[in-house]
Full PDB file with SEQRES, HELIX, SHEET, SSBOND, CRYST1, ORIGX, SCALE, CONECT and MASTER records, all heavy atoms in Angstrom:
SEQRES   1 A   29  SER GLY GLY GLY LEU VAL GLN THR GLY GLU SER LEU ARG          
SEQRES   2 A   29  LEU SER CYS VAL ALA SER GLY ILE VAL PHE SER ASP TYR          
SEQRES   3 A   29  ASN MET ARG                                                  
HELIX    1 AA1 PHE A   23  ASP A   25  5                                   3    
CRYST1    1.000    1.000    1.000  90.00  90.00  90.00 P 1           1          
ORIGX1      1.000000  0.000000  0.000000        0.00000                         
ORIGX2      0.000000  1.000000  0.000000        0.00000                         
ORIGX3      0.000000  0.000000  1.000000        0.00000                         
SCALE1      1.000000  0.000000  0.000000        0.00000                         
SCALE2      0.000000  1.000000  0.000000        0.00000                         
SCALE3      0.000000  0.000000  1.000000        0.00000                         
ATOM      1  N   SER A   1       0.841   1.952   4.967  1.00  0.00           N  
ATOM      2  CA  SER A   1       0.406   3.269   5.416  1.00  0.00           C  
ATOM      3  C   SER A   1      -0.620   3.806   4.440  1.00  0.00           C  
ATOM      4  O   SER A   1      -0.809   3.248   3.353  1.00  0.00           O  
ATOM      5  CB  SER A   1       1.594   4.225   5.533  1.00  0.00           C  
ATOM      6  OG  SER A   1       2.196   4.421   4.271  1.00  0.00           O  
ATOM      7  N   GLY A   2      -1.282   4.894   4.838  1.00  0.00           N  
ATOM      8  CA  GLY A   2      -2.217   5.550   3.936  1.00  0.00           C  
ATOM      9  C   GLY A   2      -3.677   5.327   4.243  1.00  0.00           C  
ATOM     10  O   GLY A   2      -4.549   5.919   3.593  1.00  0.00           O  
ATOM     11  N   GLY A   3      -3.968   4.475   5.213  1.00  0.00           N  
ATOM     12  CA  GLY A   3      -5.356   4.256   5.575  1.00  0.00           C  
ATOM     13  C   GLY A   3      -5.945   5.466   6.276  1.00  0.00           C  
ATOM     14  O   GLY A   3      -5.246   6.423   6.608  1.00  0.00           O  
ATOM     15  N   GLY A   4      -7.258   5.399   6.502  1.00  0.00           N  
ATOM     16  CA  GLY A   4      -7.910   6.493   7.190  1.00  0.00           C  
ATOM     17  C   GLY A   4      -9.411   6.398   7.097  1.00  0.00           C  
ATOM     18  O   GLY A   4      -9.955   5.389   6.637  1.00  0.00           O  
ATOM     19  N   LEU A   5     -10.053   7.471   7.536  1.00  0.00           N  
ATOM     20  CA  LEU A   5     -11.512   7.571   7.490  1.00  0.00           C  
ATOM     21  C   LEU A   5     -11.909   8.520   6.371  1.00  0.00           C  
ATOM     22  O   LEU A   5     -11.459   9.676   6.355  1.00  0.00           O  
ATOM     23  CB  LEU A   5     -12.025   8.092   8.838  1.00  0.00           C  
ATOM     24  CG  LEU A   5     -13.509   8.453   8.914  1.00  0.00           C  
ATOM     25  CD1 LEU A   5     -14.376   7.214   8.682  1.00  0.00           C  
ATOM     26  CD2 LEU A   5     -13.835   9.084  10.257  1.00  0.00           C  
ATOM     27  N   VAL A   6     -12.721   8.015   5.440  1.00  0.00           N  
ATOM     28  CA  VAL A   6     -13.186   8.828   4.316  1.00  0.00           C  
ATOM     29  C   VAL A   6     -14.676   8.623   4.139  1.00  0.00           C  
ATOM     30  O   VAL A   6     -15.272   7.692   4.700  1.00  0.00           O  
ATOM     31  CB  VAL A   6     -12.449   8.487   3.010  1.00  0.00           C  
ATOM     32  CG1 VAL A   6     -10.971   8.790   3.122  1.00  0.00           C  
ATOM     33  CG2 VAL A   6     -12.680   7.030   2.623  1.00  0.00           C  
ATOM     34  N   GLN A   7     -15.267   9.465   3.308  1.00  0.00           N  
ATOM     35  CA  GLN A   7     -16.689   9.330   2.995  1.00  0.00           C  
ATOM     36  C   GLN A   7     -16.863   8.551   1.696  1.00  0.00           C  
ATOM     37  O   GLN A   7     -15.916   8.440   0.891  1.00  0.00           O  
ATOM     38  CB  GLN A   7     -17.325  10.703   2.871  1.00  0.00           C  
ATOM     39  CG  GLN A   7     -17.347  11.473   4.189  1.00  0.00           C  
ATOM     40  CD  GLN A   7     -18.080  12.803   4.079  1.00  0.00           C  
ATOM     41  OE1 GLN A   7     -18.182  13.391   3.003  1.00  0.00           O  
ATOM     42  NE2 GLN A   7     -18.607  13.274   5.193  1.00  0.00           N  
ATOM     43  N   THR A   8     -18.050   8.031   1.502  1.00  0.00           N  
ATOM     44  CA  THR A   8     -18.377   7.318   0.256  1.00  0.00           C  
ATOM     45  C   THR A   8     -18.036   8.182  -0.947  1.00  0.00           C  
ATOM     46  O   THR A   8     -18.357   9.378  -0.976  1.00  0.00           O  
ATOM     47  CB  THR A   8     -19.858   6.945   0.241  1.00  0.00           C  
ATOM     48  OG1 THR A   8     -20.127   6.033   1.310  1.00  0.00           O  
ATOM     49  CG2 THR A   8     -20.234   6.284  -1.074  1.00  0.00           C  
ATOM     50  N   GLY A   9     -17.369   7.560  -1.918  1.00  0.00           N  
ATOM     51  CA  GLY A   9     -17.006   8.252  -3.145  1.00  0.00           C  
ATOM     52  C   GLY A   9     -15.627   8.885  -3.132  1.00  0.00           C  
ATOM     53  O   GLY A   9     -15.123   9.279  -4.190  1.00  0.00           O  
ATOM     54  N   GLU A  10     -15.021   8.964  -1.980  1.00  0.00           N  
ATOM     55  CA  GLU A  10     -13.689   9.560  -1.892  1.00  0.00           C  
ATOM     56  C   GLU A  10     -12.604   8.534  -2.222  1.00  0.00           C  
ATOM     57  O   GLU A  10     -12.896   7.368  -2.504  1.00  0.00           O  
ATOM     58  CB  GLU A  10     -13.489  10.170  -0.509  1.00  0.00           C  
ATOM     59  CG  GLU A  10     -14.399  11.355  -0.257  1.00  0.00           C  
ATOM     60  CD  GLU A  10     -14.121  12.065   1.065  1.00  0.00           C  
ATOM     61  OE1 GLU A  10     -13.567  11.425   1.977  1.00  0.00           O  
ATOM     62  OE2 GLU A  10     -14.465  13.256   1.165  1.00  0.00           O  
ATOM     63  N   SER A  11     -11.360   8.996  -2.184  1.00  0.00           N  
ATOM     64  CA  SER A  11     -10.232   8.159  -2.600  1.00  0.00           C  
ATOM     65  C   SER A  11      -9.169   8.088  -1.513  1.00  0.00           C  
ATOM     66  O   SER A  11      -9.071   8.984  -0.669  1.00  0.00           O  
ATOM     67  CB  SER A  11      -9.603   8.736  -3.869  1.00  0.00           C  
ATOM     68  OG  SER A  11     -10.528   8.758  -4.940  1.00  0.00           O  
ATOM     69  N   LEU A  12      -8.381   7.029  -1.562  1.00  0.00           N  
ATOM     70  CA  LEU A  12      -7.197   6.861  -0.727  1.00  0.00           C  
ATOM     71  C   LEU A  12      -6.123   6.161  -1.540  1.00  0.00           C  
ATOM     72  O   LEU A  12      -6.434   5.425  -2.485  1.00  0.00           O  
ATOM     73  CB  LEU A  12      -7.506   6.007   0.508  1.00  0.00           C  
ATOM     74  CG  LEU A  12      -8.271   6.621   1.683  1.00  0.00           C  
ATOM     75  CD1 LEU A  12      -8.603   5.540   2.704  1.00  0.00           C  
ATOM     76  CD2 LEU A  12      -7.474   7.736   2.329  1.00  0.00           C  
ATOM     77  N   ARG A  13      -4.883   6.375  -1.145  1.00  0.00           N  
ATOM     78  CA  ARG A  13      -3.786   5.602  -1.721  1.00  0.00           C  
ATOM     79  C   ARG A  13      -3.018   4.941  -0.589  1.00  0.00           C  
ATOM     80  O   ARG A  13      -2.465   5.622   0.277  1.00  0.00           O  
ATOM     81  CB  ARG A  13      -2.843   6.468  -2.558  1.00  0.00           C  
ATOM     82  CG  ARG A  13      -1.826   5.607  -3.322  1.00  0.00           C  
ATOM     83  CD  ARG A  13      -0.879   6.419  -4.165  1.00  0.00           C  
ATOM     84  NE  ARG A  13       0.192   7.009  -3.374  1.00  0.00           N  
ATOM     85  CZ  ARG A  13       1.355   7.406  -3.863  1.00  0.00           C  
ATOM     86  NH1 ARG A  13       1.603   7.272  -5.154  1.00  0.00           N  
ATOM     87  NH2 ARG A  13       2.262   7.967  -3.088  1.00  0.00           N  
ATOM     88  N   LEU A  14      -2.981   3.638  -0.614  1.00  0.00           N  
ATOM     89  CA  LEU A  14      -2.203   2.876   0.345  1.00  0.00           C  
ATOM     90  C   LEU A  14      -0.808   2.616  -0.201  1.00  0.00           C  
ATOM     91  O   LEU A  14      -0.630   2.464  -1.408  1.00  0.00           O  
ATOM     92  CB  LEU A  14      -2.883   1.533   0.649  1.00  0.00           C  
ATOM     93  CG  LEU A  14      -4.334   1.581   1.108  1.00  0.00           C  
ATOM     94  CD1 LEU A  14      -4.809   0.157   1.428  1.00  0.00           C  
ATOM     95  CD2 LEU A  14      -4.515   2.497   2.289  1.00  0.00           C  
ATOM     96  N   SER A  15       0.151   2.550   0.707  1.00  0.00           N  
ATOM     97  CA  SER A  15       1.525   2.215   0.352  1.00  0.00           C  
ATOM     98  C   SER A  15       1.997   1.050   1.207  1.00  0.00           C  
ATOM     99  O   SER A  15       1.575   0.898   2.359  1.00  0.00           O  
ATOM    100  CB  SER A  15       2.451   3.408   0.576  1.00  0.00           C  
ATOM    101  OG  SER A  15       2.075   4.512  -0.217  1.00  0.00           O  
ATOM    102  N   CYS A  16       2.883   0.262   0.643  1.00  0.00           N  
ATOM    103  CA  CYS A  16       3.518  -0.841   1.370  1.00  0.00           C  
ATOM    104  C   CYS A  16       5.000  -0.794   1.038  1.00  0.00           C  
ATOM    105  O   CYS A  16       5.380  -1.028  -0.115  1.00  0.00           O  
ATOM    106  CB  CYS A  16       2.914  -2.172   0.964  1.00  0.00           C  
ATOM    107  SG  CYS A  16       3.782  -3.619   1.606  1.00  0.00           S  
ATOM    108  N   VAL A  17       5.802  -0.469   2.031  1.00  0.00           N  
ATOM    109  CA  VAL A  17       7.243  -0.386   1.844  1.00  0.00           C  
ATOM    110  C   VAL A  17       7.882  -1.649   2.388  1.00  0.00           C  
ATOM    111  O   VAL A  17       7.648  -2.038   3.537  1.00  0.00           O  
ATOM    112  CB  VAL A  17       7.827   0.843   2.550  1.00  0.00           C  
ATOM    113  CG1 VAL A  17       9.336   0.895   2.351  1.00  0.00           C  
ATOM    114  CG2 VAL A  17       7.176   2.120   2.037  1.00  0.00           C  
ATOM    115  N   ALA A  18       8.702  -2.280   1.564  1.00  0.00           N  
ATOM    116  CA  ALA A  18       9.350  -3.528   1.944  1.00  0.00           C  
ATOM    117  C   ALA A  18      10.829  -3.316   2.203  1.00  0.00           C  
ATOM    118  O   ALA A  18      11.480  -2.503   1.539  1.00  0.00           O  
ATOM    119  CB  ALA A  18       9.166  -4.561   0.831  1.00  0.00           C  
ATOM    120  N   SER A  19      11.350  -4.051   3.164  1.00  0.00           N  
ATOM    121  CA  SER A  19      12.788  -4.058   3.427  1.00  0.00           C  
ATOM    122  C   SER A  19      13.213  -5.480   3.760  1.00  0.00           C  
ATOM    123  O   SER A  19      12.414  -6.280   4.263  1.00  0.00           O  
ATOM    124  CB  SER A  19      13.155  -3.106   4.572  1.00  0.00           C  
ATOM    125  OG  SER A  19      12.481  -3.458   5.756  1.00  0.00           O  
ATOM    126  N   GLY A  20      14.466  -5.787   3.430  1.00  0.00           N  
ATOM    127  CA  GLY A  20      14.985  -7.108   3.751  1.00  0.00           C  
ATOM    128  C   GLY A  20      14.744  -8.166   2.699  1.00  0.00           C  
ATOM    129  O   GLY A  20      15.080  -9.333   2.907  1.00  0.00           O  
ATOM    130  N   ILE A  21      14.151  -7.782   1.585  1.00  0.00           N  
ATOM    131  CA  ILE A  21      13.927  -8.708   0.475  1.00  0.00           C  
ATOM    132  C   ILE A  21      14.369  -8.036  -0.823  1.00  0.00           C  
ATOM    133  O   ILE A  21      14.501  -6.810  -0.876  1.00  0.00           O  
ATOM    134  CB  ILE A  21      12.451  -9.129   0.330  1.00  0.00           C  
ATOM    135  CG1 ILE A  21      11.534  -7.912   0.097  1.00  0.00           C  
ATOM    136  CG2 ILE A  21      12.014  -9.943   1.531  1.00  0.00           C  
ATOM    137  CD1 ILE A  21      10.093  -8.280  -0.230  1.00  0.00           C  
ATOM    138  N   VAL A  22      14.612  -8.859  -1.846  1.00  0.00           N  
ATOM    139  CA  VAL A  22      14.846  -8.321  -3.178  1.00  0.00           C  
ATOM    140  C   VAL A  22      13.458  -8.070  -3.775  1.00  0.00           C  
ATOM    141  O   VAL A  22      12.846  -8.965  -4.361  1.00  0.00           O  
ATOM    142  CB  VAL A  22      15.667  -9.289  -4.035  1.00  0.00           C  
ATOM    143  CG1 VAL A  22      15.912  -8.680  -5.420  1.00  0.00           C  
ATOM    144  CG2 VAL A  22      16.996  -9.611  -3.356  1.00  0.00           C  
ATOM    145  N   PHE A  23      12.979  -6.860  -3.567  1.00  0.00           N  
ATOM    146  CA  PHE A  23      11.576  -6.530  -3.828  1.00  0.00           C  
ATOM    147  C   PHE A  23      11.155  -6.923  -5.241  1.00  0.00           C  
ATOM    148  O   PHE A  23      10.075  -7.467  -5.443  1.00  0.00           O  
ATOM    149  CB  PHE A  23      11.378  -5.032  -3.608  1.00  0.00           C  
ATOM    150  CG  PHE A  23       9.961  -4.553  -3.786  1.00  0.00           C  
ATOM    151  CD1 PHE A  23       9.015  -4.744  -2.790  1.00  0.00           C  
ATOM    152  CD2 PHE A  23       9.585  -3.898  -4.953  1.00  0.00           C  
ATOM    153  CE1 PHE A  23       7.725  -4.304  -2.944  1.00  0.00           C  
ATOM    154  CE2 PHE A  23       8.292  -3.455  -5.130  1.00  0.00           C  
ATOM    155  CZ  PHE A  23       7.352  -3.648  -4.118  1.00  0.00           C  
ATOM    156  N   SER A  24      12.001  -6.680  -6.213  1.00  0.00           N  
ATOM    157  CA  SER A  24      11.625  -6.910  -7.610  1.00  0.00           C  
ATOM    158  C   SER A  24      11.384  -8.390  -7.908  1.00  0.00           C  
ATOM    159  O   SER A  24      10.731  -8.715  -8.905  1.00  0.00           O  
ATOM    160  CB  SER A  24      12.689  -6.349  -8.553  1.00  0.00           C  
ATOM    161  OG  SER A  24      13.934  -6.955  -8.303  1.00  0.00           O  
ATOM    162  N   ASP A  25      11.866  -9.279  -7.067  1.00  0.00           N  
ATOM    163  CA  ASP A  25      11.692 -10.714  -7.293  1.00  0.00           C  
ATOM    164  C   ASP A  25      10.368 -11.255  -6.740  1.00  0.00           C  
ATOM    165  O   ASP A  25      10.019 -12.399  -7.012  1.00  0.00           O  
ATOM    166  CB  ASP A  25      12.835 -11.503  -6.643  1.00  0.00           C  
ATOM    167  CG  ASP A  25      14.144 -11.364  -7.381  1.00  0.00           C  
ATOM    168  OD1 ASP A  25      14.129 -10.889  -8.533  1.00  0.00           O  
ATOM    169  OD2 ASP A  25      15.180 -11.724  -6.793  1.00  0.00           O  
ATOM    170  N   TYR A  26       9.688 -10.441  -5.965  1.00  0.00           N  
ATOM    171  CA  TYR A  26       8.515 -10.912  -5.231  1.00  0.00           C  
ATOM    172  C   TYR A  26       7.203 -10.520  -5.904  1.00  0.00           C  
ATOM    173  O   TYR A  26       7.064  -9.409  -6.428  1.00  0.00           O  
ATOM    174  CB  TYR A  26       8.525 -10.366  -3.801  1.00  0.00           C  
ATOM    175  CG  TYR A  26       9.398 -11.169  -2.880  1.00  0.00           C  
ATOM    176  CD1 TYR A  26      10.776 -11.106  -2.979  1.00  0.00           C  
ATOM    177  CD2 TYR A  26       8.831 -12.007  -1.930  1.00  0.00           C  
ATOM    178  CE1 TYR A  26      11.580 -11.867  -2.151  1.00  0.00           C  
ATOM    179  CE2 TYR A  26       9.621 -12.771  -1.091  1.00  0.00           C  
ATOM    180  CZ  TYR A  26      10.995 -12.687  -1.199  1.00  0.00           C  
ATOM    181  OH  TYR A  26      11.779 -13.446  -0.373  1.00  0.00           O  
ATOM    182  N   ASN A  27       6.266 -11.455  -5.861  1.00  0.00           N  
ATOM    183  CA  ASN A  27       4.886 -11.123  -6.169  1.00  0.00           C  
ATOM    184  C   ASN A  27       4.329 -10.337  -4.990  1.00  0.00           C  
ATOM    185  O   ASN A  27       4.568 -10.693  -3.829  1.00  0.00           O  
ATOM    186  CB  ASN A  27       4.059 -12.388  -6.372  1.00  0.00           C  
ATOM    187  CG  ASN A  27       4.625 -13.272  -7.454  1.00  0.00           C  
ATOM    188  OD1 ASN A  27       4.914 -12.823  -8.560  1.00  0.00           O  
ATOM    189  ND2 ASN A  27       4.828 -14.540  -7.134  1.00  0.00           N  
ATOM    190  N   MET A  28       3.583  -9.295  -5.279  1.00  0.00           N  
ATOM    191  CA  MET A  28       3.044  -8.450  -4.219  1.00  0.00           C  
ATOM    192  C   MET A  28       1.526  -8.447  -4.288  1.00  0.00           C  
ATOM    193  O   MET A  28       0.949  -8.434  -5.388  1.00  0.00           O  
ATOM    194  CB  MET A  28       3.568  -7.027  -4.348  1.00  0.00           C  
ATOM    195  CG  MET A  28       5.083  -6.906  -4.200  1.00  0.00           C  
ATOM    196  SD  MET A  28       5.686  -7.444  -2.593  1.00  0.00           S  
ATOM    197  CE  MET A  28       4.885  -6.251  -1.504  1.00  0.00           C  
ATOM    198  N   ARG A  29       0.895  -8.437  -3.122  1.00  0.00           N  
ATOM    199  CA  ARG A  29      -0.566  -8.550  -3.070  1.00  0.00           C  
ATOM    200  C   ARG A  29      -1.140  -7.670  -1.968  1.00  0.00           C  
ATOM    201  O   ARG A  29      -0.490  -7.466  -0.937  1.00  0.00           O  
ATOM    202  CB  ARG A  29      -0.962 -10.011  -2.809  1.00  0.00           C  
ATOM    203  CG  ARG A  29      -0.294 -11.012  -3.729  1.00  0.00           C  
ATOM    204  CD  ARG A  29      -0.720 -12.437  -3.445  1.00  0.00           C  
ATOM    205  NE  ARG A  29       0.195 -13.398  -4.016  1.00  0.00           N  
ATOM    206  CZ  ARG A  29       0.160 -13.832  -5.270  1.00  0.00           C  
ATOM    207  NH1 ARG A  29      -0.780 -13.378  -6.088  1.00  0.00           N  
ATOM    208  NH2 ARG A  29       1.033 -14.708  -5.709  1.00  0.00           N  
TER     209      ARG A  29                                                      
MASTER        0    0    0    1    0    0    0    6  208    1    0    3          
END                                                                             
């Protein structure tokens, strides 16, 4: 989540929420 339409020079923060895995054991990309 967190995508959208922005103008040049602006900022966004994307998030990725995981379920069903032991998150701390996984490499994330």
